Amino acid sequence: AFDAAAGVVFAAVEKGPMRVLRVPLPPSAAAPVAAQPGGGAGGGGSSAAAGDGGAVDDGEAAVEVDDLFDAEAVLRPLNVTDIAGMHFDPASRTLLLLSQEARLAVRLTLNGTVVNVISVGGEQPEGIALSADGSELLVASEPNTLLRYARAPQQRSTTR
């Protein structure tokens, strides 16, 4: 997941333990990078330490990797045991996390406060995104299924 305004990439460790990581992009990352064989981009072989945070060395500058919040403490009470997908919503500045095992989509603030939880279908939900206008939640599920969930209309409050 990518926050273009802040120049930050959010990444997840699916299990053992679940983690939601914040990776600020170095200024040199503004330039396009050609994909390298093996699915990597740039400096090859970069990795973060498995402990709390760590540094990624892209061959030019070290980048600090931080846990955004304690994902285990936030997600386990919801019976979430994996993070299969993630999406950053720039309009609300929240993250959507997808659990394949619990079949749940969880919207969280960037400090880990749960905003809402949505049950999703599909045999094996693995990817999550919002439509460009934010009106639909999209869930990709194996085998070859795209599920679309319309956002409920906002209720207007009336004051007398």
C-alpha atoms as a PDB file:
ATOM      1  CA  ALA A   1       0.000   0.000   0.000  1.00  0.00           C
ATOM      2  CA  PHE A   2       1.321   3.462  -0.853  1.00  0.00           C
ATOM      3  CA  ASP A   3       0.736   6.921   0.642  1.00  0.00           C
ATOM      4  CA  ALA A   4       1.915   9.234  -2.133  1.00  0.00           C
ATOM      5  CA  ALA A   5       1.339  12.416  -0.096  1.00  0.00           C
ATOM      6  CA  ALA A   6       3.635  11.248   2.707  1.00  0.00           C
ATOM      7  CA  GLY A   7       6.044   9.279   0.513  1.00  0.00           C
ATOM      8  CA  VAL A   8       5.483   6.120   2.570  1.00  0.00           C
ATOM      9  CA  VAL A   9       4.952   2.489   1.657  1.00  0.00           C
ATOM     10  CA  PHE A  10       2.984   0.281   4.031  1.00  0.00           C
ATOM     11  CA  ALA A  11       3.857  -3.411   3.995  1.00  0.00           C
ATOM     12  CA  ALA A  12       2.549  -6.402   5.909  1.00  0.00           C
ATOM     13  CA  VAL A  13       4.027  -9.565   7.311  1.00  0.00           C
ATOM     14  CA  GLU A  14       1.211 -12.085   6.851  1.00  0.00           C
ATOM     15  CA  LYS A  15       1.933 -14.314   9.880  1.00  0.00           C
ATOM     16  CA  GLY A  16       4.291 -15.304  12.627  1.00  0.00           C
ATOM     17  CA  PRO A  17       3.787 -12.626  13.949  1.00  0.00           C
ATOM     18  CA  MET A  18       1.521 -10.370  11.890  1.00  0.00           C
ATOM     19  CA  ARG A  19       3.092  -6.961  11.344  1.00  0.00           C
ATOM     20  CA  VAL A  20       2.126  -3.724   9.602  1.00  0.00           C
ATOM     21  CA  LEU A  21       5.257  -1.833   8.580  1.00  0.00           C
ATOM     22  CA  ARG A  22       5.866   1.780   7.601  1.00  0.00           C
ATOM     23  CA  VAL A  23       8.680   2.334   5.110  1.00  0.00           C
ATOM     24  CA  PRO A  24       9.471   5.975   4.288  1.00  0.00           C
ATOM     25  CA  LEU A  25      10.840   6.301   0.782  1.00  0.00           C
ATOM     26  CA  PRO A  26      14.222   7.962   0.392  1.00  0.00           C
ATOM     27  CA  PRO A  27      14.299  11.084  -1.802  1.00  0.00           C
ATOM     28  CA  SER A  28      15.992   9.047  -4.550  1.00  0.00           C
ATOM     29  CA  ALA A  29      12.855   6.862  -4.753  1.00  0.00           C
ATOM     30  CA  ALA A  30      10.996   9.641  -6.565  1.00  0.00           C
ATOM     31  CA  ALA A  31      12.738   8.549  -9.774  1.00  0.00           C
ATOM     32  CA  PRO A  32      11.303   5.519 -11.596  1.00  0.00           C
ATOM     33  CA  VAL A  33      13.098   2.230 -10.874  1.00  0.00           C
ATOM     34  CA  ALA A  34      13.363  -0.616 -13.362  1.00  0.00           C
ATOM     35  CA  ALA A  35      12.123  -3.986 -12.120  1.00  0.00           C
ATOM     36  CA  GLN A  36      14.828  -6.543 -11.522  1.00  0.00           C
ATOM     37  CA  PRO A  37      14.591 -10.306 -12.140  1.00  0.00           C
ATOM     38  CA  GLY A  38      12.971 -12.086  -9.201  1.00  0.00           C
ATOM     39  CA  GLY A  39      10.314  -9.437  -8.607  1.00  0.00           C
ATOM     40  CA  GLY A  40      12.557  -6.940  -6.822  1.00  0.00           C
ATOM     41  CA  ALA A  41      13.206  -3.370  -7.831  1.00  0.00           C
ATOM     42  CA  GLY A  42      16.524  -1.592  -7.506  1.00  0.00           C
ATOM     43  CA  GLY A  43      19.403  -2.542  -5.138  1.00  0.00           C
ATOM     44  CA  GLY A  44      18.510  -6.279  -5.001  1.00  0.00           C
ATOM     45  CA  GLY A  45      18.648  -8.386  -1.874  1.00  0.00           C
ATOM     46  CA  SER A  46      17.312  -5.732   0.489  1.00  0.00           C
ATOM     47  CA  SER A  47      15.584  -6.951   3.619  1.00  0.00           C
ATOM     48  CA  ALA A  48      14.428  -5.643   6.957  1.00  0.00           C
ATOM     49  CA  ALA A  49      15.455  -7.089  10.295  1.00  0.00           C
ATOM     50  CA  ALA A  50      12.862  -9.410  11.802  1.00  0.00           C
ATOM     51  CA  GLY A  51      12.817  -7.564  15.138  1.00  0.00           C
ATOM     52  CA  ASP A  52      11.120  -4.265  15.961  1.00  0.00           C
ATOM     53  CA  GLY A  53      11.900  -2.147  12.941  1.00  0.00           C
ATOM     54  CA  GLY A  54      15.129  -2.437  11.045  1.00  0.00           C
ATOM     55  CA  ALA A  55      17.004  -0.847   8.217  1.00  0.00           C
ATOM     56  CA  VAL A  56      16.817  -1.545   4.528  1.00  0.00           C
ATOM     57  CA  ASP A  57      19.971  -0.812   2.554  1.00  0.00           C
ATOM     58  CA  ASP A  58      19.146  -0.076  -1.073  1.00  0.00           C
ATOM     59  CA  GLY A  59      22.812   0.293  -1.939  1.00  0.00           C
ATOM     60  CA  GLU A  60      22.596   4.082  -1.651  1.00  0.00           C
ATOM     61  CA  ALA A  61      20.881   4.976   1.634  1.00  0.00           C
ATOM     62  CA  ALA A  62      19.539   3.096   4.644  1.00  0.00           C
ATOM     63  CA  VAL A  63      15.793   3.416   5.216  1.00  0.00           C
ATOM     64  CA  GLU A  64      14.247   2.851   8.639  1.00  0.00           C
ATOM     65  CA  VAL A  65      11.396   0.340   8.777  1.00  0.00           C
ATOM     66  CA  ASP A  66       8.990   0.778  11.695  1.00  0.00           C
ATOM     67  CA  ASP A  67       5.991  -1.137  12.992  1.00  0.00           C
ATOM     68  CA  LEU A  68       3.030   1.194  12.464  1.00  0.00           C
ATOM     69  CA  PHE A  69       1.223  -0.364  15.453  1.00  0.00           C
ATOM     70  CA  ASP A  70       1.138  -3.698  17.309  1.00  0.00           C
ATOM     71  CA  ALA A  71      -0.782  -5.697  14.703  1.00  0.00           C
ATOM     72  CA  GLU A  72      -1.054  -8.807  16.886  1.00  0.00           C
ATOM     73  CA  ALA A  73      -2.604  -6.853  19.785  1.00  0.00           C
ATOM     74  CA  VAL A  74      -5.058  -5.036  17.484  1.00  0.00           C
ATOM     75  CA  LEU A  75      -6.089  -7.908  15.188  1.00  0.00           C
ATOM     76  CA  ARG A  76      -6.100 -11.040  17.392  1.00  0.00           C
ATOM     77  CA  PRO A  77      -9.152  -9.887  19.436  1.00  0.00           C
ATOM     78  CA  LEU A  78     -11.040  -9.767  16.105  1.00  0.00           C
ATOM     79  CA  ASN A  79      -9.985 -13.410  15.432  1.00  0.00           C
ATOM     80  CA  VAL A  80      -7.733 -12.211  12.605  1.00  0.00           C
ATOM     81  CA  THR A  81      -4.737 -14.546  12.240  1.00  0.00           C
ATOM     82  CA  ASP A  82      -3.304 -13.378   8.908  1.00  0.00           C
ATOM     83  CA  ILE A  83      -2.909 -10.308   6.711  1.00  0.00           C
ATOM     84  CA  ALA A  84      -3.506 -11.408   3.115  1.00  0.00           C
ATOM     85  CA  GLY A  85      -3.936  -7.957   1.570  1.00  0.00           C
ATOM     86  CA  MET A  86      -3.705  -4.251   2.322  1.00  0.00           C
ATOM     87  CA  HIS A  87      -4.916  -0.977   0.799  1.00  0.00           C
ATOM     88  CA  PHE A  88      -4.284   2.632   1.857  1.00  0.00           C
ATOM     89  CA  ASP A  89      -7.247   4.996   1.447  1.00  0.00           C
ATOM     90  CA  PRO A  90      -5.850   8.526   0.976  1.00  0.00           C
ATOM     91  CA  ALA A  91      -9.294  10.146   1.377  1.00  0.00           C
ATOM     92  CA  SER A  92      -9.772   8.879   4.942  1.00  0.00           C
ATOM     93  CA  ARG A  93      -6.060   8.236   5.643  1.00  0.00           C
ATOM     94  CA  THR A  94      -6.893   4.725   6.823  1.00  0.00           C
ATOM     95  CA  LEU A  95      -5.650   1.238   6.007  1.00  0.00           C
ATOM     96  CA  LEU A  96      -7.840  -1.630   4.887  1.00  0.00           C
ATOM     97  CA  LEU A  97      -6.440  -5.013   5.901  1.00  0.00           C
ATOM     98  CA  LEU A  98      -7.794  -8.275   4.506  1.00  0.00           C
ATOM     99  CA  SER A  99      -7.754 -11.563   6.409  1.00  0.00           C
ATOM    100  CA  GLN A 100      -8.097 -14.619   4.189  1.00  0.00           C
ATOM    101  CA  GLU A 101      -8.543 -16.982   7.136  1.00  0.00           C
ATOM    102  CA  ALA A 102     -11.141 -14.894   9.025  1.00  0.00           C
ATOM    103  CA  ARG A 103     -12.701 -13.580   5.780  1.00  0.00           C
ATOM    104  CA  LEU A 104     -12.743 -10.077   7.183  1.00  0.00           C
ATOM    105  CA  ALA A 105     -11.772  -6.631   5.920  1.00  0.00           C
ATOM    106  CA  VAL A 106     -10.675  -4.353   8.759  1.00  0.00           C
ATOM    107  CA  ARG A 107     -10.422  -0.566   8.387  1.00  0.00           C
ATOM    108  CA  LEU A 108      -7.909   0.980  10.790  1.00  0.00           C
ATOM    109  CA  THR A 109      -6.459   4.380  11.491  1.00  0.00           C
ATOM    110  CA  LEU A 110      -2.695   4.681  11.090  1.00  0.00           C
ATOM    111  CA  ASN A 111      -2.282   4.305  14.864  1.00  0.00           C
ATOM    112  CA  GLY A 112      -4.172   0.975  14.868  1.00  0.00           C
ATOM    113  CA  THR A 113      -7.633   2.046  16.010  1.00  0.00           C
ATOM    114  CA  VAL A 114     -10.292  -0.167  14.418  1.00  0.00           C
ATOM    115  CA  VAL A 115     -12.819   1.927  12.470  1.00  0.00           C
ATOM    116  CA  ASN A 116     -14.976  -0.946  11.206  1.00  0.00           C
ATOM    117  CA  VAL A 117     -14.944  -4.623  10.283  1.00  0.00           C
ATOM    118  CA  ILE A 118     -16.645  -6.087   7.202  1.00  0.00           C
ATOM    119  CA  SER A 119     -17.276  -9.763   6.485  1.00  0.00           C
ATOM    120  CA  VAL A 120     -16.175 -10.735   2.944  1.00  0.00           C
ATOM    121  CA  GLY A 121     -16.851 -13.753   0.762  1.00  0.00           C
ATOM    122  CA  GLY A 122     -14.824 -15.747  -1.690  1.00  0.00           C
ATOM    123  CA  GLU A 123     -13.075 -19.102  -1.450  1.00  0.00           C
ATOM    124  CA  GLN A 124      -9.702 -17.573  -0.670  1.00  0.00           C
ATOM    125  CA  PRO A 125      -9.723 -13.742  -0.469  1.00  0.00           C
ATOM    126  CA  GLU A 126      -6.213 -12.465  -1.168  1.00  0.00           C
ATOM    127  CA  GLY A 127      -6.394  -8.845  -2.380  1.00  0.00           C
ATOM    128  CA  ILE A 128      -8.251  -5.688  -1.397  1.00  0.00           C
ATOM    129  CA  ALA A 129      -8.736  -2.226  -2.904  1.00  0.00           C
ATOM    130  CA  LEU A 130     -11.225   0.633  -3.068  1.00  0.00           C
ATOM    131  CA  SER A 131     -12.628   1.984  -6.302  1.00  0.00           C
ATOM    132  CA  ALA A 132     -11.213   5.371  -7.341  1.00  0.00           C
ATOM    133  CA  ASP A 133     -14.287   7.196  -6.017  1.00  0.00           C
ATOM    134  CA  GLY A 134     -14.372   5.120  -2.815  1.00  0.00           C
ATOM    135  CA  SER A 135     -17.882   3.831  -3.508  1.00  0.00           C
ATOM    136  CA  GLU A 136     -16.911   0.161  -3.827  1.00  0.00           C
ATOM    137  CA  LEU A 137     -14.740  -2.228  -1.868  1.00  0.00           C
ATOM    138  CA  LEU A 138     -13.068  -4.721  -4.222  1.00  0.00           C
ATOM    139  CA  VAL A 139     -11.844  -8.110  -3.005  1.00  0.00           C
ATOM    140  CA  ALA A 140      -9.863 -10.484  -5.225  1.00  0.00           C
ATOM    141  CA  SER A 141     -10.323 -14.138  -4.350  1.00  0.00           C
ATOM    142  CA  GLU A 142      -8.849 -17.324  -5.732  1.00  0.00           C
ATOM    143  CA  PRO A 143      -9.746 -18.861  -8.092  1.00  0.00           C
ATOM    144  CA  ASN A 144     -10.245 -15.914 -10.454  1.00  0.00           C
ATOM    145  CA  THR A 145     -12.996 -14.072  -8.580  1.00  0.00           C
ATOM    146  CA  LEU A 146     -13.503 -10.352  -8.048  1.00  0.00           C
ATOM    147  CA  LEU A 147     -16.092  -9.419  -5.434  1.00  0.00           C
ATOM    148  CA  ARG A 148     -17.572  -5.908  -5.364  1.00  0.00           C
ATOM    149  CA  TYR A 149     -19.212  -4.438  -2.275  1.00  0.00           C
ATOM    150  CA  ALA A 150     -21.072  -1.132  -2.588  1.00  0.00           C
ATOM    151  CA  ARG A 151     -20.636   1.383   0.210  1.00  0.00           C
ATOM    152  CA  ALA A 152     -23.856   1.966   2.124  1.00  0.00           C
ATOM    153  CA  PRO A 153     -25.293   5.446   1.539  1.00  0.00           C
ATOM    154  CA  GLN A 154     -24.341   7.921   4.246  1.00  0.00           C
ATOM    155  CA  GLN A 155     -27.226   8.712   6.525  1.00  0.00           C
ATOM    156  CA  ARG A 156     -27.833  12.375   7.178  1.00  0.00           C
ATOM    157  CA  SER A 157     -28.557  13.456  10.685  1.00  0.00           C
ATOM    158  CA  THR A 158     -31.384  15.858  11.206  1.00  0.00           C
ATOM    159  CA  THR A 159     -31.418  18.270  14.084  1.00  0.00           C
ATOM    160  CA  ARG A 160     -34.514  19.976  15.288  1.00  0.00           C
END
